[in-house]
Amino acid sequence: MSYPLEVNAALGILKTTGIWRSNYAPFFHRMLWRAGVSIPPPHFASFGFNVVFMGAWFGAVWGLWMWLFVWSQRGMSGVEAVFASILSGVFFGLIVALYYRIRARTYNLPLWSQIKAAS
């Protein structure tokens, strides 16, 4: 894989921890890295970034799925569907960001800024 240098350095650190690759290199992150976008792996990202990034994709995908297969048949309005999607995205983003923050502290991982400076 040709990922940005600092991403490769971070992935090397995460590989030594024993954390599953699917956990430290999620699908949407890998797609962005392949495109040359240098976003931090979730364990190195800030709490706020993880809330927004994880919550946005989850809310959008889950909301679309629910609209197509459940909500539209039950007569839910578009405004209600958007609100439910945003609420679920925020909740999911908070939970996932908290998980990654705790795991980063558990493994004493360096800050993303330290990795970027070293590469």
C-alpha atoms as a PDB file:
ATOM      1  CA  MET A   1       0.000   0.000   0.000  1.00  0.00           C
ATOM      2  CA  SER A   2       1.256   3.458  -0.761  1.00  0.00           C
ATOM      3  CA  TYR A   3       0.024   5.470   2.194  1.00  0.00           C
ATOM      4  CA  PRO A   4       1.400   8.854   3.284  1.00  0.00           C
ATOM      5  CA  LEU A   5       4.663   8.574   5.268  1.00  0.00           C
ATOM      6  CA  GLU A   6       3.260   9.611   8.645  1.00  0.00           C
ATOM      7  CA  VAL A   7       0.385   7.161   8.229  1.00  0.00           C
ATOM      8  CA  ASN A   8       2.845   4.330   7.539  1.00  0.00           C
ATOM      9  CA  ALA A   9       4.834   5.340  10.654  1.00  0.00           C
ATOM     10  CA  ALA A  10       1.681   5.326  12.779  1.00  0.00           C
ATOM     11  CA  LEU A  11       0.541   1.989  11.382  1.00  0.00           C
ATOM     12  CA  GLY A  12       3.958   0.538  12.205  1.00  0.00           C
ATOM     13  CA  ILE A  13       3.547   1.608  15.823  1.00  0.00           C
ATOM     14  CA  LEU A  14       0.023   0.208  16.001  1.00  0.00           C
ATOM     15  CA  LYS A  15       1.130  -3.097  14.463  1.00  0.00           C
ATOM     16  CA  THR A  16       3.448  -3.706  17.428  1.00  0.00           C
ATOM     17  CA  THR A  17       0.640  -3.276  19.984  1.00  0.00           C
ATOM     18  CA  GLY A  18      -1.322  -6.399  19.100  1.00  0.00           C
ATOM     19  CA  ILE A  19      -4.433  -4.386  18.198  1.00  0.00           C
ATOM     20  CA  TRP A  20      -6.319  -5.911  15.278  1.00  0.00           C
ATOM     21  CA  ARG A  21      -5.593  -4.240  11.943  1.00  0.00           C
ATOM     22  CA  SER A  22      -9.299  -3.845  11.226  1.00  0.00           C
ATOM     23  CA  ASN A  23      -9.524  -1.811  14.430  1.00  0.00           C
ATOM     24  CA  TYR A  24      -6.622   0.566  13.821  1.00  0.00           C
ATOM     25  CA  ALA A  25      -7.112   0.859  10.044  1.00  0.00           C
ATOM     26  CA  PRO A  26     -10.872   1.025   9.380  1.00  0.00           C
ATOM     27  CA  PHE A  27     -12.265   0.833   5.864  1.00  0.00           C
ATOM     28  CA  PHE A  28     -12.966   4.538   5.311  1.00  0.00           C
ATOM     29  CA  HIS A  29      -9.532   5.472   6.643  1.00  0.00           C
ATOM     30  CA  ARG A  30      -7.835   3.017   4.256  1.00  0.00           C
ATOM     31  CA  MET A  31      -9.779   4.425   1.313  1.00  0.00           C
ATOM     32  CA  LEU A  32      -8.695   7.975   2.156  1.00  0.00           C
ATOM     33  CA  TRP A  33      -5.072   6.899   2.721  1.00  0.00           C
ATOM     34  CA  ARG A  34      -5.015   5.190  -0.675  1.00  0.00           C
ATOM     35  CA  ALA A  35      -6.214   8.460  -2.169  1.00  0.00           C
ATOM     36  CA  GLY A  36      -3.236  10.194  -0.543  1.00  0.00           C
ATOM     37  CA  VAL A  37      -5.174  11.903   2.243  1.00  0.00           C
ATOM     38  CA  SER A  38      -3.094  12.056   5.415  1.00  0.00           C
ATOM     39  CA  ILE A  39      -5.622  11.643   8.201  1.00  0.00           C
ATOM     40  CA  PRO A  40      -4.492  10.019  11.433  1.00  0.00           C
ATOM     41  CA  PRO A  41      -5.450   6.466  12.333  1.00  0.00           C
ATOM     42  CA  PRO A  42      -8.299   6.590  14.880  1.00  0.00           C
ATOM     43  CA  HIS A  43      -6.027   5.866  17.844  1.00  0.00           C
ATOM     44  CA  PHE A  44      -3.947   8.965  17.020  1.00  0.00           C
ATOM     45  CA  ALA A  45      -6.803  11.281  16.024  1.00  0.00           C
ATOM     46  CA  SER A  46      -8.219  13.849  18.415  1.00  0.00           C
ATOM     47  CA  PHE A  47     -11.425  13.095  20.267  1.00  0.00           C
ATOM     48  CA  GLY A  48     -13.289  15.756  18.264  1.00  0.00           C
ATOM     49  CA  PHE A  49     -12.023  14.480  14.916  1.00  0.00           C
ATOM     50  CA  ASN A  50     -13.144  10.948  15.766  1.00  0.00           C
ATOM     51  CA  VAL A  51     -16.590  12.170  16.863  1.00  0.00           C
ATOM     52  CA  VAL A  52     -17.112  14.072  13.616  1.00  0.00           C
ATOM     53  CA  PHE A  53     -15.484  11.590  11.216  1.00  0.00           C
ATOM     54  CA  MET A  54     -16.961   8.410  12.658  1.00  0.00           C
ATOM     55  CA  GLY A  55     -20.321   9.998  13.421  1.00  0.00           C
ATOM     56  CA  ALA A  56     -20.710  11.575   9.976  1.00  0.00           C
ATOM     57  CA  TRP A  57     -20.162   8.426   7.949  1.00  0.00           C
ATOM     58  CA  PHE A  58     -22.215   6.302  10.351  1.00  0.00           C
ATOM     59  CA  GLY A  59     -25.120   8.747  10.449  1.00  0.00           C
ATOM     60  CA  ALA A  60     -25.179   9.080   6.678  1.00  0.00           C
ATOM     61  CA  VAL A  61     -24.939   5.349   5.895  1.00  0.00           C
ATOM     62  CA  TRP A  62     -27.280   4.238   8.681  1.00  0.00           C
ATOM     63  CA  GLY A  63     -29.797   6.984   7.924  1.00  0.00           C
ATOM     64  CA  LEU A  64     -29.889   6.162   4.221  1.00  0.00           C
ATOM     65  CA  TRP A  65     -30.266   2.458   4.960  1.00  0.00           C
ATOM     66  CA  MET A  66     -33.060   3.066   7.468  1.00  0.00           C
ATOM     67  CA  TRP A  67     -34.842   5.450   5.100  1.00  0.00           C
ATOM     68  CA  LEU A  68     -34.758   2.994   2.218  1.00  0.00           C
ATOM     69  CA  PHE A  69     -35.879  -0.067   4.149  1.00  0.00           C
ATOM     70  CA  VAL A  70     -37.855   1.105   7.187  1.00  0.00           C
ATOM     71  CA  TRP A  71     -38.717   4.751   7.630  1.00  0.00           C
ATOM     72  CA  SER A  72     -40.120   5.510   4.177  1.00  0.00           C
ATOM     73  CA  GLN A  73     -42.562   2.598   4.440  1.00  0.00           C
ATOM     74  CA  ARG A  74     -43.683   3.738   7.886  1.00  0.00           C
ATOM     75  CA  GLY A  75     -44.376   7.260   6.695  1.00  0.00           C
ATOM     76  CA  MET A  76     -41.593   9.038   8.567  1.00  0.00           C
ATOM     77  CA  SER A  77     -41.015  12.563   7.285  1.00  0.00           C
ATOM     78  CA  GLY A  78     -37.695  13.596   5.769  1.00  0.00           C
ATOM     79  CA  VAL A  79     -37.041  16.064   8.599  1.00  0.00           C
ATOM     80  CA  GLU A  80     -37.548  13.357  11.212  1.00  0.00           C
ATOM     81  CA  ALA A  81     -35.262  10.992   9.288  1.00  0.00           C
ATOM     82  CA  VAL A  82     -32.491  13.592   9.050  1.00  0.00           C
ATOM     83  CA  PHE A  83     -32.824  14.393  12.755  1.00  0.00           C
ATOM     84  CA  ALA A  84     -32.696  10.690  13.686  1.00  0.00           C
ATOM     85  CA  SER A  85     -29.641  10.197  11.456  1.00  0.00           C
ATOM     86  CA  ILE A  86     -27.814  13.159  12.990  1.00  0.00           C
ATOM     87  CA  LEU A  87     -28.675  12.044  16.513  1.00  0.00           C
ATOM     88  CA  SER A  88     -27.489   8.493  15.846  1.00  0.00           C
ATOM     89  CA  GLY A  89     -24.304   9.786  14.207  1.00  0.00           C
ATOM     90  CA  VAL A  90     -23.489  11.999  17.191  1.00  0.00           C
ATOM     91  CA  PHE A  91     -24.162   9.183  19.659  1.00  0.00           C
ATOM     92  CA  PHE A  92     -22.117   6.673  17.640  1.00  0.00           C
ATOM     93  CA  GLY A  93     -19.303   9.188  17.140  1.00  0.00           C
ATOM     94  CA  LEU A  94     -19.093   9.926  20.876  1.00  0.00           C
ATOM     95  CA  ILE A  95     -18.991   6.257  21.840  1.00  0.00           C
ATOM     96  CA  VAL A  96     -16.371   5.353  19.220  1.00  0.00           C
ATOM     97  CA  ALA A  97     -14.226   8.408  20.007  1.00  0.00           C
ATOM     98  CA  LEU A  98     -14.297   7.499  23.695  1.00  0.00           C
ATOM     99  CA  TYR A  99     -13.282   3.931  22.867  1.00  0.00           C
ATOM    100  CA  TYR A 100     -10.319   5.064  20.751  1.00  0.00           C
ATOM    101  CA  ARG A 101      -9.212   7.607  23.369  1.00  0.00           C
ATOM    102  CA  ILE A 102      -9.207   4.945  26.089  1.00  0.00           C
ATOM    103  CA  ARG A 103      -7.331   2.470  23.888  1.00  0.00           C
ATOM    104  CA  ALA A 104      -4.723   5.090  22.922  1.00  0.00           C
ATOM    105  CA  ARG A 105      -4.064   5.806  26.592  1.00  0.00           C
ATOM    106  CA  THR A 106      -3.976   2.091  27.427  1.00  0.00           C
ATOM    107  CA  TYR A 107      -1.169   1.556  24.900  1.00  0.00           C
ATOM    108  CA  ASN A 108       0.626   4.870  25.681  1.00  0.00           C
ATOM    109  CA  LEU A 109       0.542   5.885  22.033  1.00  0.00           C
ATOM    110  CA  PRO A 110       2.308   9.095  20.997  1.00  0.00           C
ATOM    111  CA  LEU A 111       0.440  12.111  19.682  1.00  0.00           C
ATOM    112  CA  TRP A 112      -0.169  12.466  15.935  1.00  0.00           C
ATOM    113  CA  SER A 113       1.874  15.674  15.961  1.00  0.00           C
ATOM    114  CA  GLN A 114       4.887  13.729  17.278  1.00  0.00           C
ATOM    115  CA  ILE A 115       4.567  11.184  14.482  1.00  0.00           C
ATOM    116  CA  LYS A 116       4.227  13.901  11.818  1.00  0.00           C
ATOM    117  CA  ALA A 117       7.323  15.673  13.170  1.00  0.00           C
ATOM    118  CA  ALA A 118       9.352  12.446  13.103  1.00  0.00           C
ATOM    119  CA  SER A 119       8.460  11.515   9.500  1.00  0.00           C
END
